Amino acid sequence: MSYDGGSRWIPAGLRRTADGTWTVDVKAPKSAEHVSLRATAKDDAGNTVNQTVVRAYSLK
């Protein structure tokens, strides 16, 4: 995730839950106004998908 519009990316530290979904805690700096998200997924067949959403949501 990024708090500066995608200039710098920070690993999110995903956790798999008991029901098989994934979760992450977002602890943004007090100065952050938006959160940008970037995800990459790969399946067993080697297919991949990458997605970036700059300013995915606002914190203020």
PDB file of N, CA and C in Angstrom:
ATOM      1  N   MET A   1       0.834  -1.155   0.000  1.00  0.00           N
ATOM      2  CA  MET A   1       0.000   0.000   0.000  1.00  0.00           C
ATOM      3  C   MET A   1       0.883   1.223   0.000  1.00  0.00           C
ATOM      4  N   SER A   2       0.287   2.357  -0.324  1.00  0.00           N
ATOM      5  CA  SER A   2       1.022   3.610  -0.413  1.00  0.00           C
ATOM      6  C   SER A   2       0.172   4.716   0.190  1.00  0.00           C
ATOM      7  N   TYR A   3       0.855   5.636   0.838  1.00  0.00           N
ATOM      8  CA  TYR A   3       0.159   6.778   1.429  1.00  0.00           C
ATOM      9  C   TYR A   3       0.543   8.083   0.749  1.00  0.00           C
ATOM     10  N   ASP A   4       1.329   7.989  -0.337  1.00  0.00           N
ATOM     11  CA  ASP A   4       1.794   9.191  -1.029  1.00  0.00           C
ATOM     12  C   ASP A   4       1.475   9.153  -2.522  1.00  0.00           C
ATOM     13  N   GLY A   5       0.330   8.592  -2.860  1.00  0.00           N
ATOM     14  CA  GLY A   5      -0.101   8.565  -4.254  1.00  0.00           C
ATOM     15  C   GLY A   5       0.638   7.572  -5.127  1.00  0.00           C
ATOM     16  N   GLY A   6       1.316   6.614  -4.522  1.00  0.00           N
ATOM     17  CA  GLY A   6       2.004   5.578  -5.282  1.00  0.00           C
ATOM     18  C   GLY A   6       3.479   5.835  -5.522  1.00  0.00           C
ATOM     19  N   SER A   7       4.041   6.868  -4.917  1.00  0.00           N
ATOM     20  CA  SER A   7       5.479   7.127  -5.071  1.00  0.00           C
ATOM     21  C   SER A   7       6.312   6.065  -4.361  1.00  0.00           C
ATOM     22  N   ARG A   8       5.873   5.661  -3.170  1.00  0.00           N
ATOM     23  CA  ARG A   8       6.557   4.615  -2.403  1.00  0.00           C
ATOM     24  C   ARG A   8       5.530   3.577  -1.969  1.00  0.00           C
ATOM     25  N   TRP A   9       5.892   2.295  -2.112  1.00  0.00           N
ATOM     26  CA  TRP A   9       4.982   1.201  -1.769  1.00  0.00           C
ATOM     27  C   TRP A   9       5.504   0.460  -0.551  1.00  0.00           C
ATOM     28  N   ILE A  10       4.593   0.110   0.351  1.00  0.00           N
ATOM     29  CA  ILE A  10       4.913  -0.584   1.592  1.00  0.00           C
ATOM     30  C   ILE A  10       4.215  -1.941   1.567  1.00  0.00           C
ATOM     31  N   PRO A  11       4.939  -3.049   1.840  1.00  0.00           N
ATOM     32  CA  PRO A  11       4.268  -4.360   1.899  1.00  0.00           C
ATOM     33  C   PRO A  11       3.147  -4.342   2.937  1.00  0.00           C
ATOM     34  N   ALA A  12       2.048  -4.998   2.616  1.00  0.00           N
ATOM     35  CA  ALA A  12       0.850  -4.900   3.447  1.00  0.00           C
ATOM     36  C   ALA A  12       0.781  -5.917   4.577  1.00  0.00           C
ATOM     37  N   GLY A  13       1.451  -7.040   4.507  1.00  0.00           N
ATOM     38  CA  GLY A  13       1.381  -8.025   5.578  1.00  0.00           C
ATOM     39  C   GLY A  13       0.025  -8.710   5.667  1.00  0.00           C
ATOM     40  N   LEU A  14      -0.404  -9.320   4.579  1.00  0.00           N
ATOM     41  CA  LEU A  14      -1.698 -10.011   4.542  1.00  0.00           C
ATOM     42  C   LEU A  14      -1.726 -11.212   5.477  1.00  0.00           C
ATOM     43  N   ARG A  15      -2.909 -11.509   5.993  1.00  0.00           N
ATOM     44  CA  ARG A  15      -3.130 -12.708   6.814  1.00  0.00           C
ATOM     45  C   ARG A  15      -4.325 -13.464   6.261  1.00  0.00           C
ATOM     46  N   ARG A  16      -4.181 -14.786   6.186  1.00  0.00           N
ATOM     47  CA  ARG A  16      -5.303 -15.623   5.758  1.00  0.00           C
ATOM     48  C   ARG A  16      -6.160 -15.953   6.977  1.00  0.00           C
ATOM     49  N   THR A  17      -7.464 -15.773   6.834  1.00  0.00           N
ATOM     50  CA  THR A  17      -8.380 -16.034   7.946  1.00  0.00           C
ATOM     51  C   THR A  17      -8.858 -17.486   7.915  1.00  0.00           C
ATOM     52  N   ALA A  18      -9.556 -17.890   8.956  1.00  0.00           N
ATOM     53  CA  ALA A  18     -10.034 -19.267   9.065  1.00  0.00           C
ATOM     54  C   ALA A  18     -10.985 -19.652   7.937  1.00  0.00           C
ATOM     55  N   ASP A  19     -11.724 -18.677   7.394  1.00  0.00           N
ATOM     56  CA  ASP A  19     -12.669 -18.998   6.321  1.00  0.00           C
ATOM     57  C   ASP A  19     -12.036 -18.919   4.927  1.00  0.00           C
ATOM     58  N   GLY A  20     -10.698 -18.708   4.867  1.00  0.00           N
ATOM     59  CA  GLY A  20      -9.998 -18.722   3.588  1.00  0.00           C
ATOM     60  C   GLY A  20      -9.872 -17.376   2.903  1.00  0.00           C
ATOM     61  N   THR A  21     -10.423 -16.325   3.506  1.00  0.00           N
ATOM     62  CA  THR A  21     -10.267 -14.989   2.925  1.00  0.00           C
ATOM     63  C   THR A  21      -8.981 -14.357   3.465  1.00  0.00           C
ATOM     64  N   TRP A  22      -8.632 -13.222   2.906  1.00  0.00           N
ATOM     65  CA  TRP A  22      -7.416 -12.524   3.316  1.00  0.00           C
ATOM     66  C   TRP A  22      -7.777 -11.188   3.948  1.00  0.00           C
ATOM     67  N   THR A  23      -6.964 -10.750   4.916  1.00  0.00           N
ATOM     68  CA  THR A  23      -7.207  -9.483   5.591  1.00  0.00           C
ATOM     69  C   THR A  23      -5.880  -8.775   5.844  1.00  0.00           C
ATOM     70  N   VAL A  24      -5.948  -7.482   6.038  1.00  0.00           N
ATOM     71  CA  VAL A  24      -4.767  -6.680   6.366  1.00  0.00           C
ATOM     72  C   VAL A  24      -5.202  -5.529   7.266  1.00  0.00           C
ATOM     73  N   ASP A  25      -4.354  -5.163   8.198  1.00  0.00           N
ATOM     74  CA  ASP A  25      -4.604  -3.993   9.035  1.00  0.00           C
ATOM     75  C   ASP A  25      -3.919  -2.796   8.392  1.00  0.00           C
ATOM     76  N   VAL A  26      -4.650  -1.707   8.258  1.00  0.00           N
ATOM     77  CA  VAL A  26      -4.103  -0.477   7.689  1.00  0.00           C
ATOM     78  C   VAL A  26      -3.807   0.475   8.838  1.00  0.00           C
ATOM     79  N   LYS A  27      -2.536   0.837   8.976  1.00  0.00           N
ATOM     80  CA  LYS A  27      -2.124   1.788  10.013  1.00  0.00           C
ATOM     81  C   LYS A  27      -1.414   2.939   9.319  1.00  0.00           C
ATOM     82  N   ALA A  28      -2.197   3.862   8.858  1.00  0.00           N
ATOM     83  CA  ALA A  28      -1.677   4.983   8.077  1.00  0.00           C
ATOM     84  C   ALA A  28      -1.048   6.034   8.982  1.00  0.00           C
ATOM     85  N   PRO A  29      -0.016   6.712   8.467  1.00  0.00           N
ATOM     86  CA  PRO A  29       0.536   7.835   9.227  1.00  0.00           C
ATOM     87  C   PRO A  29      -0.511   8.942   9.386  1.00  0.00           C
ATOM     88  N   LYS A  30      -0.404   9.708  10.452  1.00  0.00           N
ATOM     89  CA  LYS A  30      -1.388  10.774  10.709  1.00  0.00           C
ATOM     90  C   LYS A  30      -1.465  11.785   9.574  1.00  0.00           C
ATOM     91  N   SER A  31      -0.368  11.961   8.852  1.00  0.00           N
ATOM     92  CA  SER A  31      -0.344  12.944   7.765  1.00  0.00           C
ATOM     93  C   SER A  31      -0.987  12.436   6.474  1.00  0.00           C
ATOM     94  N   ALA A  32      -1.277  11.135   6.405  1.00  0.00           N
ATOM     95  CA  ALA A  32      -1.832  10.556   5.172  1.00  0.00           C
ATOM     96  C   ALA A  32      -3.259  11.031   4.931  1.00  0.00           C
ATOM     97  N   GLU A  33      -3.563  11.298   3.676  1.00  0.00           N
ATOM     98  CA  GLU A  33      -4.919  11.701   3.301  1.00  0.00           C
ATOM     99  C   GLU A  33      -5.642  10.622   2.508  1.00  0.00           C
ATOM    100  N   HIS A  34      -4.884   9.763   1.811  1.00  0.00           N
ATOM    101  CA  HIS A  34      -5.456   8.708   0.977  1.00  0.00           C
ATOM    102  C   HIS A  34      -4.628   7.437   1.111  1.00  0.00           C
ATOM    103  N   VAL A  35      -5.237   6.318   0.764  1.00  0.00           N
ATOM    104  CA  VAL A  35      -4.536   5.037   0.692  1.00  0.00           C
ATOM    105  C   VAL A  35      -4.619   4.541  -0.743  1.00  0.00           C
ATOM    106  N   SER A  36      -3.466   4.168  -1.294  1.00  0.00           N
ATOM    107  CA  SER A  36      -3.409   3.543  -2.611  1.00  0.00           C
ATOM    108  C   SER A  36      -3.106   2.066  -2.409  1.00  0.00           C
ATOM    109  N   LEU A  37      -3.686   1.224  -3.245  1.00  0.00           N
ATOM    110  CA  LEU A  37      -3.545  -0.224  -3.100  1.00  0.00           C
ATOM    111  C   LEU A  37      -2.949  -0.836  -4.354  1.00  0.00           C
ATOM    112  N   ARG A  38      -2.122  -1.871  -4.167  1.00  0.00           N
ATOM    113  CA  ARG A  38      -1.560  -2.627  -5.286  1.00  0.00           C
ATOM    114  C   ARG A  38      -1.621  -4.102  -4.905  1.00  0.00           C
ATOM    115  N   ALA A  39      -2.162  -4.909  -5.803  1.00  0.00           N
ATOM    116  CA  ALA A  39      -2.291  -6.348  -5.548  1.00  0.00           C
ATOM    117  C   ALA A  39      -1.751  -7.141  -6.731  1.00  0.00           C
ATOM    118  N   THR A  40      -1.127  -8.259  -6.422  1.00  0.00           N
ATOM    119  CA  THR A  40      -0.659  -9.211  -7.423  1.00  0.00           C
ATOM    120  C   THR A  40      -1.116 -10.589  -6.980  1.00  0.00           C
ATOM    121  N   ALA A  41      -1.680 -11.353  -7.898  1.00  0.00           N
ATOM    122  CA  ALA A  41      -2.130 -12.713  -7.581  1.00  0.00           C
ATOM    123  C   ALA A  41      -1.653 -13.662  -8.671  1.00  0.00           C
ATOM    124  N   LYS A  42      -1.367 -14.901  -8.276  1.00  0.00           N
ATOM    125  CA  LYS A  42      -0.914 -15.927  -9.213  1.00  0.00           C
ATOM    126  C   LYS A  42      -1.582 -17.243  -8.839  1.00  0.00           C
ATOM    127  N   ASP A  43      -2.092 -17.961  -9.840  1.00  0.00           N
ATOM    128  CA  ASP A  43      -2.718 -19.250  -9.556  1.00  0.00           C
ATOM    129  C   ASP A  43      -1.743 -20.390  -9.840  1.00  0.00           C
ATOM    130  N   ASP A  44      -2.181 -21.615  -9.568  1.00  0.00           N
ATOM    131  CA  ASP A  44      -1.324 -22.790  -9.740  1.00  0.00           C
ATOM    132  C   ASP A  44      -0.920 -23.029 -11.183  1.00  0.00           C
ATOM    133  N   ALA A  45      -1.681 -22.507 -12.137  1.00  0.00           N
ATOM    134  CA  ALA A  45      -1.364 -22.667 -13.560  1.00  0.00           C
ATOM    135  C   ALA A  45      -0.372 -21.610 -14.048  1.00  0.00           C
ATOM    136  N   GLY A  46      -0.002 -20.682 -13.173  1.00  0.00           N
ATOM    137  CA  GLY A  46       0.953 -19.648 -13.546  1.00  0.00           C
ATOM    138  C   GLY A  46       0.330 -18.370 -14.075  1.00  0.00           C
ATOM    139  N   ASN A  47      -0.987 -18.306 -14.105  1.00  0.00           N
ATOM    140  CA  ASN A  47      -1.665 -17.080 -14.533  1.00  0.00           C
ATOM    141  C   ASN A  47      -1.502 -16.013 -13.455  1.00  0.00           C
ATOM    142  N   THR A  48      -1.300 -14.771 -13.885  1.00  0.00           N
ATOM    143  CA  THR A  48      -1.134 -13.685 -12.924  1.00  0.00           C
ATOM    144  C   THR A  48      -2.043 -12.513 -13.260  1.00  0.00           C
ATOM    145  N   VAL A  49      -2.317 -11.740 -12.244  1.00  0.00           N
ATOM    146  CA  VAL A  49      -3.058 -10.489 -12.415  1.00  0.00           C
ATOM    147  C   VAL A  49      -2.423  -9.460 -11.482  1.00  0.00           C
ATOM    148  N   ASN A  50      -2.293  -8.249 -11.977  1.00  0.00           N
ATOM    149  CA  ASN A  50      -1.768  -7.136 -11.189  1.00  0.00           C
ATOM    150  C   ASN A  50      -2.777  -6.001 -11.262  1.00  0.00           C
ATOM    151  N   GLN A  51      -3.030  -5.364 -10.138  1.00  0.00           N
ATOM    152  CA  GLN A  51      -3.955  -4.235 -10.140  1.00  0.00           C
ATOM    153  C   GLN A  51      -3.465  -3.172  -9.166  1.00  0.00           C
ATOM    154  N   THR A  52      -3.490  -1.940  -9.610  1.00  0.00           N
ATOM    155  CA  THR A  52      -3.113  -0.800  -8.785  1.00  0.00           C
ATOM    156  C   THR A  52      -4.264   0.197  -8.784  1.00  0.00           C
ATOM    157  N   VAL A  53      -4.640   0.642  -7.596  1.00  0.00           N
ATOM    158  CA  VAL A  53      -5.674   1.668  -7.460  1.00  0.00           C
ATOM    159  C   VAL A  53      -5.067   2.809  -6.647  1.00  0.00           C
ATOM    160  N   VAL A  54      -4.747   3.899  -7.332  1.00  0.00           N
ATOM    161  CA  VAL A  54      -4.184   5.065  -6.667  1.00  0.00           C
ATOM    162  C   VAL A  54      -5.325   5.855  -6.035  1.00  0.00           C
ATOM    163  N   ARG A  55      -5.110   6.254  -4.778  1.00  0.00           N
ATOM    164  CA  ARG A  55      -6.138   6.951  -3.992  1.00  0.00           C
ATOM    165  C   ARG A  55      -7.420   6.124  -3.925  1.00  0.00           C
ATOM    166  N   ALA A  56      -7.266   4.867  -3.513  1.00  0.00           N
ATOM    167  CA  ALA A  56      -8.405   3.948  -3.442  1.00  0.00           C
ATOM    168  C   ALA A  56      -9.470   4.453  -2.473  1.00  0.00           C
ATOM    169  N   TYR A  57      -9.035   5.040  -1.379  1.00  0.00           N
ATOM    170  CA  TYR A  57     -10.004   5.644  -0.462  1.00  0.00           C
ATOM    171  C   TYR A  57      -9.343   6.746   0.360  1.00  0.00           C
ATOM    172  N   SER A  58     -10.180   7.624   0.870  1.00  0.00           N
ATOM    173  CA  SER A  58      -9.736   8.788   1.627  1.00  0.00           C
ATOM    174  C   SER A  58      -9.739   8.483   3.123  1.00  0.00           C
ATOM    175  N   LEU A  59      -8.815   9.069   3.836  1.00  0.00           N
ATOM    176  CA  LEU A  59      -8.745   8.902   5.285  1.00  0.00           C
ATOM    177  C   LEU A  59      -9.316  10.097   6.034  1.00  0.00           C
ATOM    178  N   LYS A  60      -9.570  11.168   5.337  1.00  0.00           N
ATOM    179  CA  LYS A  60     -10.058  12.388   6.004  1.00  0.00           C
ATOM    180  C   LYS A  60     -11.325  12.874   5.371  1.00  0.00           C
TER     181      LYS A  60
END
